[in-house]
Every structure is written in structure tokens, then in C-alpha cells.
N, C-alpha and C. Protein backbone atom coordinates (compact mmCIF):
# COMPACT_ATOMS: atom_id res chain seq x y z
N MET A 1 0.85 -1.18 0.00
CA MET A 1 0.00 0.00 0.00
C MET A 1 0.89 1.23 0.00
N LYS A 2 0.33 2.27 -0.52
CA LYS A 2 1.05 3.54 -0.56
C LYS A 2 0.08 4.63 -0.13
N ALA A 3 0.58 5.56 0.69
CA ALA A 3 -0.25 6.66 1.15
C ALA A 3 0.48 7.98 0.96
N VAL A 4 -0.22 8.94 0.41
CA VAL A 4 0.25 10.32 0.37
C VAL A 4 -0.56 11.05 1.43
N ILE A 5 0.15 11.57 2.42
CA ILE A 5 -0.48 12.17 3.59
C ILE A 5 -0.25 13.68 3.55
N GLN A 6 -1.31 14.43 3.65
CA GLN A 6 -1.20 15.88 3.69
C GLN A 6 -1.86 16.39 4.95
N ARG A 7 -1.10 17.18 5.71
CA ARG A 7 -1.67 17.83 6.90
C ARG A 7 -2.52 18.98 6.38
N VAL A 8 -3.78 19.02 6.81
CA VAL A 8 -4.70 20.01 6.26
C VAL A 8 -5.39 20.81 7.36
N LYS A 9 -5.77 22.03 6.99
CA LYS A 9 -6.64 22.83 7.85
C LYS A 9 -8.08 22.41 7.63
N GLN A 10 -8.36 21.99 6.38
CA GLN A 10 -9.67 21.44 6.05
C GLN A 10 -9.58 20.72 4.72
N SER A 11 -10.50 19.81 4.49
CA SER A 11 -10.55 19.07 3.23
C SER A 11 -11.99 18.66 2.97
N SER A 12 -12.33 18.56 1.69
CA SER A 12 -13.68 18.11 1.33
C SER A 12 -13.61 17.30 0.04
N VAL A 13 -14.62 16.46 -0.13
CA VAL A 13 -14.76 15.66 -1.33
C VAL A 13 -16.16 15.87 -1.87
N SER A 14 -16.23 16.15 -3.17
CA SER A 14 -17.51 16.30 -3.86
C SER A 14 -17.54 15.35 -5.05
N ALA A 15 -18.73 14.91 -5.40
CA ALA A 15 -18.94 14.09 -6.60
C ALA A 15 -20.23 14.57 -7.25
N GLU A 16 -20.19 14.73 -8.55
CA GLU A 16 -21.35 15.22 -9.30
C GLU A 16 -21.89 16.51 -8.70
N ASN A 17 -20.98 17.40 -8.34
CA ASN A 17 -21.30 18.72 -7.79
C ASN A 17 -22.05 18.67 -6.45
N LYS A 18 -21.94 17.54 -5.74
CA LYS A 18 -22.57 17.42 -4.42
C LYS A 18 -21.49 17.09 -3.40
N LEU A 19 -21.54 17.78 -2.26
CA LEU A 19 -20.60 17.52 -1.18
C LEU A 19 -20.83 16.12 -0.63
N VAL A 20 -19.76 15.33 -0.59
CA VAL A 20 -19.83 13.96 -0.08
C VAL A 20 -19.41 13.94 1.39
N SER A 21 -18.28 14.58 1.68
CA SER A 21 -17.80 14.63 3.06
C SER A 21 -16.79 15.75 3.21
N GLN A 22 -16.56 16.13 4.46
CA GLN A 22 -15.58 17.17 4.74
C GLN A 22 -15.04 16.99 6.15
N ILE A 23 -13.82 17.49 6.35
CA ILE A 23 -13.20 17.47 7.67
C ILE A 23 -12.60 18.83 7.96
N GLY A 24 -12.35 19.07 9.23
CA GLY A 24 -11.61 20.24 9.67
C GLY A 24 -10.14 19.86 9.76
N PRO A 25 -9.41 20.40 10.72
CA PRO A 25 -7.98 20.11 10.83
C PRO A 25 -7.71 18.62 10.97
N GLY A 26 -6.69 18.17 10.26
CA GLY A 26 -6.32 16.75 10.33
C GLY A 26 -5.47 16.34 9.16
N LEU A 27 -5.76 15.16 8.62
CA LEU A 27 -4.97 14.61 7.52
C LEU A 27 -5.86 14.20 6.36
N LEU A 28 -5.41 14.53 5.16
CA LEU A 28 -5.98 13.97 3.94
C LEU A 28 -5.04 12.85 3.52
N VAL A 29 -5.57 11.65 3.37
CA VAL A 29 -4.77 10.49 3.00
C VAL A 29 -5.26 9.97 1.65
N LEU A 30 -4.39 10.06 0.64
CA LEU A 30 -4.65 9.44 -0.64
C LEU A 30 -4.06 8.04 -0.55
N LEU A 31 -4.90 7.02 -0.72
CA LEU A 31 -4.50 5.64 -0.43
C LEU A 31 -4.55 4.78 -1.68
N GLY A 32 -3.42 4.16 -2.00
CA GLY A 32 -3.34 3.25 -3.13
C GLY A 32 -3.08 1.84 -2.65
N VAL A 33 -3.71 0.88 -3.33
CA VAL A 33 -3.57 -0.53 -2.96
C VAL A 33 -2.92 -1.28 -4.12
N ALA A 34 -1.86 -2.04 -3.82
CA ALA A 34 -1.16 -2.84 -4.83
C ALA A 34 -1.73 -4.25 -4.88
N GLN A 35 -1.44 -4.95 -5.98
CA GLN A 35 -1.94 -6.32 -6.16
C GLN A 35 -1.58 -7.25 -5.02
N ASP A 36 -0.37 -7.13 -4.51
CA ASP A 36 0.10 -8.09 -3.50
C ASP A 36 -0.08 -7.62 -2.06
N ASP A 37 -0.84 -6.56 -1.85
CA ASP A 37 -1.05 -6.06 -0.48
C ASP A 37 -1.92 -7.02 0.33
N GLU A 38 -1.64 -7.05 1.63
CA GLU A 38 -2.37 -7.90 2.58
C GLU A 38 -2.96 -6.99 3.67
N LEU A 39 -3.80 -7.56 4.52
CA LEU A 39 -4.38 -6.79 5.62
C LEU A 39 -3.30 -6.23 6.53
N THR A 40 -2.18 -6.93 6.66
CA THR A 40 -1.09 -6.44 7.51
C THR A 40 -0.52 -5.13 6.98
N ASP A 41 -0.59 -4.92 5.66
CA ASP A 41 -0.13 -3.65 5.08
C ASP A 41 -1.05 -2.51 5.53
N ALA A 42 -2.35 -2.77 5.53
CA ALA A 42 -3.31 -1.76 5.97
C ALA A 42 -3.15 -1.48 7.46
N ASP A 43 -2.92 -2.54 8.25
CA ASP A 43 -2.70 -2.36 9.68
C ASP A 43 -1.48 -1.48 9.93
N TYR A 44 -0.40 -1.79 9.22
CA TYR A 44 0.85 -1.03 9.36
C TYR A 44 0.63 0.44 9.03
N LEU A 45 0.02 0.72 7.88
CA LEU A 45 -0.18 2.12 7.48
C LEU A 45 -1.11 2.85 8.43
N ALA A 46 -2.19 2.22 8.83
CA ALA A 46 -3.13 2.88 9.75
C ALA A 46 -2.42 3.28 11.03
N ASN A 47 -1.69 2.35 11.61
CA ASN A 47 -0.97 2.62 12.85
C ASN A 47 0.10 3.69 12.66
N LYS A 48 0.86 3.57 11.59
CA LYS A 48 1.94 4.52 11.32
C LYS A 48 1.40 5.94 11.14
N ILE A 49 0.35 6.07 10.34
CA ILE A 49 -0.18 7.40 10.02
C ILE A 49 -0.77 8.09 11.24
N ILE A 50 -1.57 7.39 12.03
CA ILE A 50 -2.20 8.09 13.16
C ILE A 50 -1.22 8.43 14.26
N HIS A 51 -0.05 7.78 14.26
CA HIS A 51 0.95 8.07 15.29
C HIS A 51 2.10 8.95 14.79
N LEU A 52 2.09 9.33 13.51
CA LEU A 52 3.14 10.22 13.00
C LEU A 52 3.10 11.54 13.75
N ARG A 53 4.23 11.97 14.22
CA ARG A 53 4.31 13.23 14.98
C ARG A 53 4.56 14.38 14.00
N ILE A 54 3.47 14.83 13.37
CA ILE A 54 3.59 15.88 12.34
C ILE A 54 2.72 17.09 12.64
N PHE A 55 2.16 17.14 13.83
CA PHE A 55 1.39 18.31 14.25
C PHE A 55 2.20 19.08 15.29
N GLU A 56 2.10 20.37 15.24
CA GLU A 56 2.92 21.21 16.11
C GLU A 56 2.48 21.17 17.56
N ASP A 57 3.48 21.22 18.44
CA ASP A 57 3.21 21.34 19.86
C ASP A 57 3.19 22.82 20.24
N LYS A 58 3.14 23.13 21.52
CA LYS A 58 3.06 24.53 21.96
C LYS A 58 4.31 25.32 21.61
N ASP A 59 5.42 24.63 21.34
CA ASP A 59 6.67 25.29 20.97
C ASP A 59 6.85 25.41 19.46
N GLY A 60 5.85 24.98 18.69
CA GLY A 60 5.92 25.09 17.24
C GLY A 60 6.71 23.97 16.56
N LYS A 61 7.01 22.92 17.31
CA LYS A 61 7.76 21.78 16.73
C LYS A 61 6.79 20.67 16.36
N MET A 62 7.07 19.97 15.27
CA MET A 62 6.24 18.83 14.88
C MET A 62 6.51 17.71 15.87
N ASN A 63 5.62 17.60 16.86
CA ASN A 63 5.86 16.70 17.97
C ASN A 63 4.59 16.00 18.46
N ARG A 64 3.46 16.22 17.76
CA ARG A 64 2.20 15.60 18.19
C ARG A 64 1.61 14.78 17.04
N SER A 65 0.95 13.70 17.40
CA SER A 65 0.30 12.84 16.42
C SER A 65 -1.12 13.33 16.12
N LEU A 66 -1.74 12.71 15.15
CA LEU A 66 -3.14 13.02 14.83
C LEU A 66 -4.02 12.76 16.05
N LEU A 67 -3.76 11.67 16.75
CA LEU A 67 -4.54 11.37 17.96
C LEU A 67 -4.37 12.45 19.02
N GLU A 68 -3.12 12.87 19.24
CA GLU A 68 -2.84 13.89 20.26
C GLU A 68 -3.42 15.25 19.87
N ALA A 69 -3.44 15.53 18.57
CA ALA A 69 -3.96 16.82 18.09
C ALA A 69 -5.48 16.82 18.00
N GLY A 70 -6.09 15.63 18.09
CA GLY A 70 -7.56 15.54 18.00
C GLY A 70 -8.09 15.81 16.61
N GLY A 71 -7.27 15.55 15.59
CA GLY A 71 -7.67 15.82 14.22
C GLY A 71 -8.49 14.70 13.60
N GLU A 72 -9.03 15.01 12.43
CA GLU A 72 -9.82 14.05 11.66
C GLU A 72 -9.00 13.54 10.49
N MET A 73 -9.51 12.51 9.82
CA MET A 73 -8.83 12.00 8.64
C MET A 73 -9.83 11.85 7.50
N MET A 74 -9.42 12.32 6.33
CA MET A 74 -10.16 12.10 5.09
C MET A 74 -9.36 11.09 4.28
N VAL A 75 -10.00 9.98 3.89
CA VAL A 75 -9.32 8.95 3.11
C VAL A 75 -9.96 8.89 1.72
N VAL A 76 -9.09 8.99 0.70
CA VAL A 76 -9.55 8.96 -0.69
C VAL A 76 -8.77 7.88 -1.42
N SER A 77 -9.49 6.96 -2.05
CA SER A 77 -8.85 5.90 -2.82
C SER A 77 -8.14 6.50 -4.04
N GLN A 78 -6.92 6.04 -4.31
CA GLN A 78 -6.10 6.66 -5.36
C GLN A 78 -5.23 5.59 -6.04
N PHE A 79 -5.83 4.83 -6.98
CA PHE A 79 -5.07 3.78 -7.65
C PHE A 79 -3.93 4.34 -8.49
N THR A 80 -4.02 5.59 -8.88
CA THR A 80 -2.97 6.18 -9.71
C THR A 80 -1.64 6.33 -8.98
N LEU A 81 -1.61 6.10 -7.67
CA LEU A 81 -0.34 6.12 -6.95
C LEU A 81 0.57 4.99 -7.43
N PHE A 82 0.00 3.98 -8.07
CA PHE A 82 0.80 2.87 -8.59
C PHE A 82 1.05 2.99 -10.09
N ALA A 83 1.00 4.20 -10.61
CA ALA A 83 1.30 4.42 -12.03
C ALA A 83 2.77 4.12 -12.30
N ASP A 84 3.02 3.34 -13.35
CA ASP A 84 4.38 3.06 -13.81
C ASP A 84 4.57 3.85 -15.09
N CYS A 85 5.44 4.83 -15.03
CA CYS A 85 5.67 5.73 -16.17
C CYS A 85 7.02 5.47 -16.84
N ALA A 86 7.60 4.30 -16.60
CA ALA A 86 8.95 4.00 -17.10
C ALA A 86 9.00 3.89 -18.62
N LYS A 87 7.94 3.38 -19.23
CA LYS A 87 7.95 3.18 -20.68
C LYS A 87 6.87 4.05 -21.33
N GLY A 88 7.24 4.68 -22.40
CA GLY A 88 6.26 5.46 -23.15
C GLY A 88 5.72 6.63 -22.38
N ARG A 89 4.56 7.07 -22.81
CA ARG A 89 3.94 8.26 -22.20
C ARG A 89 2.61 7.97 -21.54
N ARG A 90 2.13 6.75 -21.70
CA ARG A 90 0.88 6.38 -21.05
C ARG A 90 1.22 5.54 -19.82
N PRO A 91 0.81 5.97 -18.63
CA PRO A 91 1.13 5.20 -17.43
C PRO A 91 0.47 3.82 -17.46
N SER A 92 1.17 2.85 -16.90
CA SER A 92 0.61 1.52 -16.71
C SER A 92 0.19 1.41 -15.25
N PHE A 93 -0.95 0.79 -15.04
CA PHE A 93 -1.45 0.59 -13.69
C PHE A 93 -1.49 -0.89 -13.34
N ALA A 94 -0.61 -1.66 -13.97
CA ALA A 94 -0.58 -3.12 -13.80
C ALA A 94 -0.30 -3.53 -12.35
N ASP A 95 0.39 -2.70 -11.58
CA ASP A 95 0.70 -3.06 -10.19
C ASP A 95 -0.44 -2.75 -9.22
N ALA A 96 -1.44 -1.99 -9.67
CA ALA A 96 -2.56 -1.65 -8.79
C ALA A 96 -3.46 -2.87 -8.60
N ALA A 97 -4.07 -2.95 -7.43
CA ALA A 97 -4.98 -4.05 -7.13
C ALA A 97 -6.22 -3.97 -8.00
N THR A 98 -6.90 -5.10 -8.14
CA THR A 98 -8.19 -5.10 -8.83
C THR A 98 -9.16 -4.23 -8.04
N PRO A 99 -10.19 -3.70 -8.70
CA PRO A 99 -11.14 -2.87 -7.96
C PRO A 99 -11.76 -3.57 -6.75
N ALA A 100 -12.08 -4.85 -6.87
CA ALA A 100 -12.70 -5.57 -5.74
C ALA A 100 -11.75 -5.65 -4.55
N LYS A 101 -10.51 -6.00 -4.82
CA LYS A 101 -9.53 -6.09 -3.73
C LYS A 101 -9.24 -4.71 -3.15
N ALA A 102 -9.07 -3.73 -4.04
CA ALA A 102 -8.76 -2.38 -3.58
C ALA A 102 -9.87 -1.82 -2.69
N GLU A 103 -11.11 -2.05 -3.07
CA GLU A 103 -12.21 -1.53 -2.26
C GLU A 103 -12.25 -2.20 -0.89
N ALA A 104 -12.04 -3.51 -0.85
CA ALA A 104 -12.03 -4.22 0.43
C ALA A 104 -10.91 -3.70 1.33
N MET A 105 -9.73 -3.48 0.76
CA MET A 105 -8.59 -2.98 1.54
C MET A 105 -8.84 -1.54 1.99
N TYR A 106 -9.41 -0.74 1.12
CA TYR A 106 -9.74 0.65 1.42
C TYR A 106 -10.71 0.71 2.61
N GLN A 107 -11.77 -0.09 2.55
CA GLN A 107 -12.75 -0.11 3.64
C GLN A 107 -12.13 -0.64 4.93
N TYR A 108 -11.27 -1.63 4.81
CA TYR A 108 -10.59 -2.18 5.98
C TYR A 108 -9.70 -1.12 6.63
N PHE A 109 -8.94 -0.39 5.81
CA PHE A 109 -8.08 0.69 6.33
C PHE A 109 -8.92 1.71 7.09
N ILE A 110 -10.02 2.13 6.52
CA ILE A 110 -10.90 3.11 7.17
C ILE A 110 -11.40 2.57 8.51
N SER A 111 -11.80 1.30 8.53
CA SER A 111 -12.31 0.72 9.78
C SER A 111 -11.21 0.62 10.83
N ARG A 112 -9.98 0.32 10.42
CA ARG A 112 -8.86 0.24 11.37
C ARG A 112 -8.58 1.61 11.98
N VAL A 113 -8.52 2.64 11.15
CA VAL A 113 -8.27 3.99 11.66
C VAL A 113 -9.38 4.40 12.62
N SER A 114 -10.61 4.14 12.25
CA SER A 114 -11.74 4.49 13.09
C SER A 114 -11.70 3.75 14.42
N SER A 115 -11.30 2.48 14.38
CA SER A 115 -11.24 1.68 15.62
C SER A 115 -10.17 2.18 16.58
N MET A 116 -9.23 2.99 16.08
CA MET A 116 -8.17 3.53 16.94
C MET A 116 -8.53 4.92 17.48
N GLY A 117 -9.78 5.33 17.27
CA GLY A 117 -10.26 6.56 17.89
C GLY A 117 -10.20 7.81 17.04
N VAL A 118 -10.00 7.66 15.73
CA VAL A 118 -9.93 8.83 14.85
C VAL A 118 -11.25 8.96 14.09
N ARG A 119 -11.76 10.18 14.01
CA ARG A 119 -12.94 10.44 13.19
C ARG A 119 -12.51 10.40 11.73
N VAL A 120 -13.13 9.51 10.95
CA VAL A 120 -12.72 9.28 9.57
C VAL A 120 -13.87 9.58 8.63
N LYS A 121 -13.56 10.30 7.57
CA LYS A 121 -14.50 10.53 6.47
C LYS A 121 -13.83 9.98 5.22
N SER A 122 -14.62 9.79 4.16
CA SER A 122 -14.03 9.22 2.95
C SER A 122 -14.72 9.75 1.70
N GLY A 123 -14.05 9.45 0.60
CA GLY A 123 -14.64 9.73 -0.70
C GLY A 123 -15.53 8.56 -1.10
N ILE A 124 -15.87 8.51 -2.38
CA ILE A 124 -16.68 7.42 -2.92
C ILE A 124 -15.76 6.57 -3.78
N PHE A 125 -15.65 5.29 -3.45
CA PHE A 125 -14.75 4.41 -4.18
C PHE A 125 -15.15 4.35 -5.65
N ARG A 126 -14.16 4.51 -6.55
CA ARG A 126 -14.29 4.45 -8.01
C ARG A 126 -15.09 5.60 -8.61
N ALA A 127 -15.39 6.62 -7.86
CA ALA A 127 -16.12 7.77 -8.41
C ALA A 127 -15.13 8.84 -8.86
N MET A 128 -15.54 9.63 -9.82
CA MET A 128 -14.79 10.83 -10.18
C MET A 128 -15.12 11.87 -9.13
N MET A 129 -14.11 12.34 -8.45
CA MET A 129 -14.33 13.25 -7.32
C MET A 129 -13.52 14.53 -7.48
N ASP A 130 -14.01 15.56 -6.85
CA ASP A 130 -13.25 16.80 -6.68
C ASP A 130 -12.81 16.81 -5.23
N VAL A 131 -11.49 16.82 -5.03
CA VAL A 131 -10.93 16.82 -3.69
C VAL A 131 -10.34 18.21 -3.45
N ALA A 132 -10.84 18.87 -2.42
CA ALA A 132 -10.36 20.21 -2.09
C ALA A 132 -9.65 20.14 -0.74
N LEU A 133 -8.62 20.97 -0.59
CA LEU A 133 -7.92 21.00 0.68
C LEU A 133 -7.23 22.33 0.86
N ILE A 134 -7.03 22.66 2.10
CA ILE A 134 -6.13 23.75 2.46
C ILE A 134 -4.99 23.06 3.20
N ASN A 135 -3.85 22.95 2.52
CA ASN A 135 -2.69 22.27 3.06
C ASN A 135 -2.11 23.12 4.18
N ASP A 136 -1.80 22.49 5.28
CA ASP A 136 -1.28 23.18 6.46
C ASP A 136 0.23 22.97 6.52
N GLY A 137 0.96 24.00 6.22
CA GLY A 137 2.43 23.92 6.29
C GLY A 137 3.12 24.51 5.08
N PRO A 138 3.14 23.85 3.96
CA PRO A 138 2.54 22.55 3.66
C PRO A 138 3.37 21.40 4.21
N VAL A 139 2.66 20.38 4.66
CA VAL A 139 3.29 19.14 5.11
C VAL A 139 2.71 18.02 4.26
N THR A 140 3.55 17.36 3.49
CA THR A 140 3.14 16.24 2.64
C THR A 140 4.16 15.13 2.80
N ILE A 141 3.69 13.93 3.14
CA ILE A 141 4.57 12.79 3.40
C ILE A 141 4.05 11.59 2.62
N ILE A 142 4.97 10.81 2.06
CA ILE A 142 4.62 9.58 1.35
C ILE A 142 5.13 8.39 2.15
N ILE A 143 4.23 7.43 2.39
CA ILE A 143 4.62 6.23 3.13
C ILE A 143 4.17 4.99 2.34
N ASP A 144 5.08 4.02 2.23
CA ASP A 144 4.76 2.72 1.65
C ASP A 144 4.73 1.70 2.77
N SER A 145 3.85 0.71 2.63
CA SER A 145 3.88 -0.39 3.59
C SER A 145 5.11 -1.25 3.29
N PRO A 146 5.56 -2.04 4.26
CA PRO A 146 6.79 -2.84 4.05
C PRO A 146 6.67 -3.80 2.87
């Protein structure tokens, strides 16, 4: 699995010009699932992301986690994170999981994060969405599961 994490002041997802979900301060996570990913990959990323110390403490240092900051998480499925652009000009998505597997892993990741005490919102799996955010920092981090 691969996650692009952005610390945000706010984020929202719309589809067909209708607001689907929104969060205040927290993290926007673009989540990609690879063909060979297992539930342990989702467990690893969920735990890693909610405990990353990327929120500022009273001294202005990145020293608090999402849990400590009381932030929310927006999770958006993003199969294009597995684009292979090595050959030609059209990306290959051969390493991305099938839609059925990706959706199951996506939902599992959301449930894991929620079970750890984080308020989680999400986009619509396989929908064309407009994702809006106000990046805080900006802070953007990419994490791959082992």
C-alpha cells in the first residue's frame, strides 16, 4: 500500500457537484492498494499514520500525532499512486490491485483507523471526485507499507 499524507486545515470531497464529506484540521490520505497487499499492510499504514508526529506542539515543533492533536482523517482511494511511467507516455497501472480487492482494503483501512479513535471521512470508491484541501504547512509525506 502507498499513502500520500497531507496535513490540512480542512478538506472536502464532492462528486457530481454534491458535497460527499468534509473534515476540519487533520490529515488527507490518498491511499493506493497494490496487487500483493495484505491486511497487515493496511494495519501497518493505519498505525503509522495516526501516530506520526507531524502536528505542532506549543513550541511550534512537529511533535504531536493526529490522535494527540484531536484531528480528523479524510481517506480517498487513489489507484494512480501505482502508475508506472517508465515506458512510453501512457502510465501503466498493472501493479494496482483489482477494484474488488482495492475496495475491500480501502474499507478495511478506514475501519482500522476508526477503531483507533480517529474520526474518519471518505470519498466514494471508483467515483470521479473533486478533492479540495487547504494544506497546512505545507506538510506532505509519502509512506509505503513494508
